[in-house]
Amino acid sequence: MTDLLENRASIYTEVENYATSIDFPIIEPLVGVLLNQYARLIKARRILELGSGFGYSALWFSERMDETTEIICTDFTKENKLLAEKYFKKAGVKTKIDFRTGDAIEILDEIEGKFDIIFNDVEKEDYPEVFEKAIPKLRKGGLLITDNTLWCGKVAQKRKKDYQTAGSREYNRLAFSDKRVSSSILPLRDGITITMKL
């Protein structure tokens, strides 16, 4: 299906090839298009990424967006921040990027104000904590978008009880039982849970 996006800008394939070369997990192009569609549909002006790596998802969020949109990126390493900044410059990104290094959940705790979109791609065992902390940070109608929520189908396998599967499974339970939100799961790539704050 990626062939459908073969005309995407070369910066995307450059990052994709680099990620493949070092076996670094990133969202795939079709997921990137989805992120950009949601950002543009709700006219997002403030986006928070929990787990940005070297900026691939932020590149997609920035596509056809301008300086009226701010994206706060997070990652543990300064190396990924520097690499992301190189990619942003090369792509001519117009959005305001604030890349913070450190623990994504701690950064989430520290940030004030509401977001239009929070994109969650941290360690799966931390997903339930992210859910509880992210929902209050969203404006009404805002979206919490979480990657890997089907987790290679493991969430549907009752015998799978490892901590990562358990984290994804509990996250989905919260997303569908919490009365503050409305959620759906898209079977795209490894599963994307889209949660709207009511």
Protein backbone atom coordinates (compact mmCIF):
# COMPACT_ATOMS: atom_id res chain seq x y z
CA MET A 1 0.00 0.00 0.00
CA THR A 2 2.97 2.32 0.48
CA ASP A 3 3.24 2.39 -3.31
CA LEU A 4 0.18 4.63 -3.30
CA LEU A 5 2.34 7.31 -1.71
CA GLU A 6 5.37 6.95 -3.94
CA ASN A 7 5.13 10.64 -4.86
CA ARG A 8 5.63 11.83 -1.27
CA ALA A 9 8.47 14.29 -0.69
CA SER A 10 11.96 12.80 -0.69
CA ILE A 11 12.52 13.81 2.95
CA TYR A 12 10.05 11.13 4.00
CA THR A 13 11.81 8.33 2.15
CA GLU A 14 15.15 9.60 3.49
CA VAL A 15 13.93 9.27 7.07
CA GLU A 16 12.24 5.94 6.34
CA ASN A 17 15.42 4.52 4.84
CA TYR A 18 17.47 5.71 7.78
CA ALA A 19 15.02 4.18 10.27
CA THR A 20 15.17 0.88 8.39
CA SER A 21 18.98 0.95 8.35
CA ILE A 22 19.17 1.14 12.15
CA ASP A 23 16.02 -0.92 12.81
CA PHE A 24 14.26 2.01 14.49
CA PRO A 25 10.44 1.78 14.68
CA ILE A 26 8.57 4.70 13.10
CA ILE A 27 5.01 5.14 11.92
CA GLU A 28 4.58 4.23 8.27
CA PRO A 29 3.56 6.64 5.49
CA LEU A 30 -0.13 5.75 5.52
CA VAL A 31 -0.25 6.49 9.25
CA GLY A 32 1.56 9.75 8.56
CA VAL A 33 -1.10 10.77 6.07
CA LEU A 34 -3.76 9.94 8.65
CA LEU A 35 -2.09 12.14 11.26
CA ASN A 36 -1.92 15.02 8.82
CA GLN A 37 -5.55 14.58 7.81
CA TYR A 38 -6.75 14.74 11.41
CA ALA A 39 -4.57 17.77 12.16
CA ARG A 40 -5.98 19.62 9.19
CA LEU A 41 -9.57 18.47 9.76
CA ILE A 42 -9.69 19.89 13.27
CA LYS A 43 -7.44 22.84 12.38
CA ALA A 44 -4.94 21.86 15.05
CA ARG A 45 -2.88 24.72 16.43
CA ARG A 46 -1.19 22.93 19.33
CA ILE A 47 0.10 19.38 19.05
CA LEU A 48 2.07 17.32 21.56
CA GLU A 49 4.02 14.23 20.56
CA LEU A 50 4.91 11.74 23.27
CA GLY A 51 7.78 9.82 21.70
CA SER A 52 9.04 11.66 18.61
CA GLY A 53 12.20 9.75 17.76
CA PHE A 54 13.96 11.75 15.09
CA GLY A 55 10.92 13.64 13.90
CA TYR A 56 9.15 11.47 11.30
CA SER A 57 5.64 11.89 12.70
CA ALA A 58 6.24 15.62 13.27
CA LEU A 59 7.16 15.95 9.60
CA TRP A 60 3.76 14.50 8.70
CA PHE A 61 1.92 16.70 11.19
CA SER A 62 3.68 19.70 9.62
CA GLU A 63 2.72 18.88 6.03
CA ARG A 64 0.82 21.89 4.59
CA MET A 65 0.65 23.46 8.06
CA ASP A 66 2.10 26.88 8.85
CA GLU A 67 3.58 28.88 11.71
CA THR A 68 0.18 29.16 13.40
CA THR A 69 0.63 25.54 14.50
CA GLU A 70 2.99 24.57 17.32
CA ILE A 71 4.31 21.02 17.73
CA ILE A 72 6.01 20.01 20.95
CA CYS A 73 8.19 16.96 20.34
CA THR A 74 9.69 14.71 23.03
CA ASP A 75 12.47 12.16 23.05
CA PHE A 76 14.99 10.79 25.53
CA THR A 77 18.10 11.54 23.51
CA LYS A 78 19.77 14.74 22.37
CA GLU A 79 21.05 12.85 19.32
CA ASN A 80 17.51 12.27 18.07
CA LYS A 81 16.65 15.92 18.70
CA LEU A 82 19.61 17.10 16.63
CA LEU A 83 18.78 14.66 13.85
CA ALA A 84 15.14 15.74 13.86
CA GLU A 85 16.12 19.39 13.64
CA LYS A 86 18.26 18.58 10.61
CA TYR A 87 15.30 16.88 8.93
CA PHE A 88 12.94 19.75 9.81
CA LYS A 89 15.33 22.26 8.26
CA LYS A 90 15.83 20.14 5.16
CA ALA A 91 12.04 19.78 4.74
CA GLY A 92 11.45 23.51 5.14
CA VAL A 93 9.01 22.93 8.00
CA LYS A 94 6.94 26.04 8.74
CA THR A 95 5.30 24.94 11.96
CA LYS A 96 6.80 26.07 15.26
CA ILE A 97 8.74 23.12 16.67
CA ASP A 98 9.65 22.89 20.35
CA PHE A 99 11.72 19.71 20.78
CA ARG A 100 12.23 18.71 24.42
CA THR A 101 14.50 15.94 25.63
CA GLY A 102 13.65 13.80 28.65
CA ASP A 103 10.89 11.51 29.85
CA ALA A 104 7.76 12.15 27.78
CA ILE A 105 5.35 11.57 30.66
CA GLU A 106 7.27 13.93 32.94
CA ILE A 107 7.21 16.54 30.17
CA LEU A 108 3.45 15.99 29.81
CA ASP A 109 3.06 16.64 33.54
CA GLU A 110 5.01 19.89 33.29
CA ILE A 111 3.30 21.43 30.26
CA GLU A 112 0.44 23.83 30.88
CA GLY A 113 -2.50 24.60 28.63
CA LYS A 114 -4.68 22.54 26.33
CA PHE A 115 -3.80 20.67 23.16
CA ASP A 116 -5.74 19.97 19.99
CA ILE A 117 -3.90 16.67 19.44
CA ILE A 118 -1.72 14.49 21.63
CA PHE A 119 0.07 11.73 19.75
CA ASN A 120 1.11 8.82 21.97
CA ASP A 121 3.96 6.55 20.89
CA VAL A 122 5.84 5.80 24.11
CA GLU A 123 6.56 2.41 25.66
CA LYS A 124 3.41 0.28 25.65
CA GLU A 125 3.51 -0.44 29.37
CA ASP A 126 3.12 3.32 29.95
CA TYR A 127 0.03 3.67 27.76
CA PRO A 128 -2.55 3.54 30.60
CA GLU A 129 -0.71 6.29 32.49
CA VAL A 130 -0.57 8.38 29.34
CA PHE A 131 -4.32 8.02 28.88
CA GLU A 132 -5.11 9.24 32.39
CA LYS A 133 -2.75 12.20 32.12
CA ALA A 134 -3.44 13.19 28.53
CA ILE A 135 -7.23 13.48 28.57
CA PRO A 136 -7.27 16.47 30.97
CA LYS A 137 -4.72 18.18 28.69
CA LEU A 138 -6.98 18.01 25.63
CA ARG A 139 -9.46 20.70 24.69
CA LYS A 140 -13.06 19.63 24.05
CA GLY A 141 -13.09 17.94 20.64
CA GLY A 142 -9.36 17.32 20.84
CA LEU A 143 -7.81 14.02 19.85
CA LEU A 144 -5.59 11.53 21.62
CA ILE A 145 -4.06 9.37 18.89
CA THR A 146 -2.19 6.26 19.97
CA ASP A 147 -0.05 3.97 17.84
CA ASN A 148 0.42 0.17 18.13
CA THR A 149 -2.86 -0.53 19.90
CA LEU A 150 -3.41 -3.86 18.15
CA TRP A 151 0.22 -4.77 18.93
CA CYS A 152 0.58 -7.37 16.18
CA GLY A 153 -2.78 -8.83 17.19
CA LYS A 154 -1.48 -9.75 20.64
CA VAL A 155 -4.13 -7.69 22.42
CA ALA A 156 -6.75 -10.18 21.22
CA GLN A 157 -4.77 -13.21 22.39
CA LYS A 158 -5.77 -14.02 25.97
CA ARG A 159 -2.63 -16.06 26.56
CA LYS A 160 -0.42 -13.06 25.83
CA LYS A 161 0.26 -11.47 29.21
CA ASP A 162 3.60 -9.71 28.73
CA TYR A 163 3.79 -6.18 30.09
CA GLN A 164 3.69 -4.48 26.69
CA THR A 165 0.60 -6.37 25.54
CA ALA A 166 -1.01 -5.76 28.92
CA GLY A 167 -0.33 -2.03 28.59
CA SER A 168 -1.90 -1.81 25.13
CA ARG A 169 -4.86 -3.93 26.19
CA GLU A 170 -5.56 -1.82 29.27
CA TYR A 171 -5.20 1.36 27.25
CA ASN A 172 -7.91 0.23 24.84
CA ARG A 173 -10.15 -0.74 27.73
CA LEU A 174 -9.79 2.76 29.17
CA ALA A 175 -10.35 4.41 25.80
CA PHE A 176 -13.65 2.58 25.32
CA SER A 177 -14.96 2.72 28.89
CA ASP A 178 -14.17 6.30 29.92
CA LYS A 179 -17.29 8.46 29.57
CA ARG A 180 -15.21 11.59 28.90
CA VAL A 181 -14.25 10.33 25.45
CA SER A 182 -15.39 8.54 22.28
CA SER A 183 -12.93 6.12 20.67
CA SER A 184 -12.39 3.93 17.64
CA ILE A 185 -9.60 1.61 16.52
CA LEU A 186 -8.39 1.71 12.94
CA PRO A 187 -6.73 -1.52 11.72
CA LEU A 188 -4.05 0.48 9.94
CA ARG A 189 -0.49 -0.86 10.24
CA ASP A 190 -0.29 -2.01 13.90
CA GLY A 191 -3.53 -0.39 15.01
CA ILE A 192 -4.33 3.26 15.73
CA THR A 193 -6.74 4.21 18.48
CA ILE A 194 -8.42 7.56 17.89
CA THR A 195 -9.94 9.08 21.03
CA MET A 196 -11.96 12.31 20.99
CA LYS A 197 -12.57 14.26 24.15
CA LEU A 198 -16.28 14.96 24.57
